[in-house]
N, C-alpha and C. Protein backbone atom coordinates (compact mmCIF):
# COMPACT_ATOMS: atom_id res chain seq x y z
N MET A 1 240.31 128.65 61.41
CA MET A 1 240.87 129.00 59.81
C MET A 1 239.68 129.93 58.99
N GLU A 2 240.61 130.79 59.15
CA GLU A 2 239.80 132.33 57.74
C GLU A 2 240.96 131.89 56.22
N ARG A 3 239.62 131.70 55.63
CA ARG A 3 240.11 131.67 54.02
C ARG A 3 239.65 132.31 53.15
N ASP A 4 240.33 132.77 52.15
CA ASP A 4 240.06 134.26 51.05
C ASP A 4 239.25 133.23 50.03
N LEU A 5 238.20 133.62 49.35
CA LEU A 5 237.55 132.73 48.58
C LEU A 5 237.20 133.70 47.53
N LYS A 6 236.60 132.77 46.56
CA LYS A 6 236.16 134.08 44.94
C LYS A 6 234.47 133.03 45.14
N GLN A 7 233.81 133.91 44.98
CA GLN A 7 232.24 133.58 45.00
C GLN A 7 232.39 133.12 43.51
N ASP A 8 231.75 132.14 43.23
CA ASP A 8 231.44 131.37 41.65
C ASP A 8 230.19 131.48 41.79
N GLY A 9 229.01 131.41 42.40
CA GLY A 9 227.70 131.19 41.44
C GLY A 9 226.14 131.13 43.10
N TYR A 10 225.14 131.93 43.14
CA TYR A 10 224.68 131.52 44.35
C TYR A 10 223.86 130.44 43.64
N THR A 11 223.28 129.45 44.60
CA THR A 11 222.87 128.33 44.81
C THR A 11 221.20 128.11 43.84
N ASP A 12 220.78 129.28 43.47
CA ASP A 12 219.89 129.68 42.93
C ASP A 12 220.15 130.05 41.34
N GLY A 13 220.93 129.71 41.31
CA GLY A 13 221.53 130.09 39.79
C GLY A 13 221.80 131.20 39.59
N THR A 14 221.84 132.69 40.32
CA THR A 14 222.18 133.81 39.41
C THR A 14 223.54 133.86 39.97
N ARG A 15 224.19 135.39 39.31
CA ARG A 15 225.49 135.34 39.98
C ARG A 15 225.31 137.04 40.76
N THR A 16 224.74 136.90 40.89
CA THR A 16 224.85 138.82 41.05
C THR A 16 223.63 138.84 42.70
N PRO A 17 223.90 139.69 43.40
CA PRO A 17 224.73 140.91 43.56
C PRO A 17 225.59 140.25 44.16
N SER A 18 226.63 140.80 43.86
CA SER A 18 228.16 140.12 44.55
C SER A 18 227.83 140.20 46.40
N PRO A 19 228.82 139.23 46.69
CA PRO A 19 228.96 139.49 48.15
C PRO A 19 229.62 140.94 48.48
N THR A 20 229.85 140.78 50.08
CA THR A 20 230.78 142.63 50.04
C THR A 20 231.72 141.51 50.54
N GLY A 21 233.11 142.68 50.06
CA GLY A 21 234.41 142.15 50.96
C GLY A 21 234.24 141.35 52.09
N GLU A 22 233.38 141.60 53.02
CA GLU A 22 233.39 141.11 54.48
C GLU A 22 233.18 140.02 54.27
N GLU A 23 231.63 139.19 53.76
CA GLU A 23 231.95 138.47 53.42
C GLU A 23 232.14 137.49 52.76
N LYS A 24 233.14 137.51 51.66
CA LYS A 24 234.02 136.83 51.71
C LYS A 24 234.80 136.15 51.97
N LYS A 25 235.28 136.50 53.48
CA LYS A 25 235.99 135.85 54.17
C LYS A 25 235.43 135.51 55.48
N ILE A 26 235.79 134.05 55.05
CA ILE A 26 235.27 133.14 56.08
C ILE A 26 235.75 132.23 56.90
N GLN A 27 235.45 132.58 58.55
CA GLN A 27 236.02 131.79 59.54
C GLN A 27 235.60 130.03 59.26
N LEU A 28 236.09 129.58 59.16
CA LEU A 28 235.56 127.75 59.04
C LEU A 28 236.19 126.79 60.10
N GLU A 29 235.17 126.32 60.42
CA GLU A 29 236.53 125.15 61.93
C GLU A 29 236.22 123.62 60.73
N THR A 30 236.58 122.69 60.99
CA THR A 30 236.84 121.57 60.40
C THR A 30 235.44 121.13 60.37
N GLU A 31 234.83 120.85 58.60
CA GLU A 31 233.45 120.14 58.86
C GLU A 31 232.13 120.56 59.08
N GLU A 32 232.66 122.56 59.12
CA GLU A 32 231.42 123.13 59.71
C GLU A 32 231.02 123.82 57.93
N VAL A 33 229.55 123.84 57.67
CA VAL A 33 229.30 124.73 56.67
C VAL A 33 229.41 125.85 56.27
N PHE A 34 229.40 126.37 55.00
CA PHE A 34 229.46 128.07 55.10
C PHE A 34 227.93 128.35 55.20
N PRO A 35 227.88 129.92 55.83
CA PRO A 35 227.00 130.59 56.13
C PRO A 35 226.44 131.01 54.67
N PRO A 36 224.87 131.44 54.60
CA PRO A 36 224.37 131.96 53.69
C PRO A 36 225.28 133.12 53.78
N ILE A 37 224.48 134.23 52.34
CA ILE A 37 225.46 135.61 52.41
C ILE A 37 224.28 136.54 52.53
N SER A 38 224.79 137.07 53.98
CA SER A 38 223.51 137.68 55.14
C SER A 38 223.25 139.28 54.18
N SER A 39 224.16 139.87 53.14
CA SER A 39 223.11 140.91 52.16
C SER A 39 222.06 140.34 51.12
N CYS A 40 222.00 139.17 50.83
CA CYS A 40 221.27 138.86 49.67
C CYS A 40 220.30 138.08 50.23
N ASP A 41 220.83 137.27 51.29
CA ASP A 41 219.50 135.96 51.46
C ASP A 41 219.80 134.89 50.79
N LYS A 42 221.18 134.51 50.82
CA LYS A 42 221.31 133.23 49.41
C LYS A 42 222.36 132.33 49.84
N GLY A 43 222.49 131.48 49.34
CA GLY A 43 223.45 130.41 49.61
C GLY A 43 224.32 130.72 48.11
N ALA A 44 226.04 130.06 48.31
CA ALA A 44 226.75 130.41 46.85
C ALA A 44 227.59 129.17 47.52
N PHE A 45 227.84 129.33 46.30
CA PHE A 45 229.61 128.19 45.28
C PHE A 45 230.83 129.29 46.23
N TRP A 46 231.35 128.58 46.22
CA TRP A 46 233.08 129.17 46.52
C TRP A 46 233.92 128.35 46.19
N ARG A 47 235.22 129.39 45.64
CA ARG A 47 235.91 128.55 45.40
C ARG A 47 237.51 129.19 46.45
N LYS A 48 238.10 128.08 46.79
CA LYS A 48 239.27 128.39 47.94
C LYS A 48 240.11 129.25 47.03
N THR A 49 240.63 130.59 47.44
CA THR A 49 241.80 131.24 46.79
C THR A 49 243.11 131.24 48.21
N SER A 50 242.87 131.40 49.45
CA SER A 50 243.85 131.06 49.87
C SER A 50 243.76 130.88 51.60
N TYR A 51 244.58 130.12 51.99
CA TYR A 51 244.28 130.24 53.46
C TYR A 51 245.69 130.51 54.57
N ALA A 52 244.27 131.26 55.62
CA ALA A 52 245.28 132.44 56.18
C ALA A 52 245.76 132.19 57.43
């Protein structure tokens, strides 16, 4: 299931740089964990905005 998400911040307490548009579309199966943001090598907090 693909989800459109809004990034709420990084696990290290920062808010920048923003993830790329492609990184904001995350394909997950039930009970999978979110991947790190590859462009900046950080973990992020996300807010779901829709299901596709």
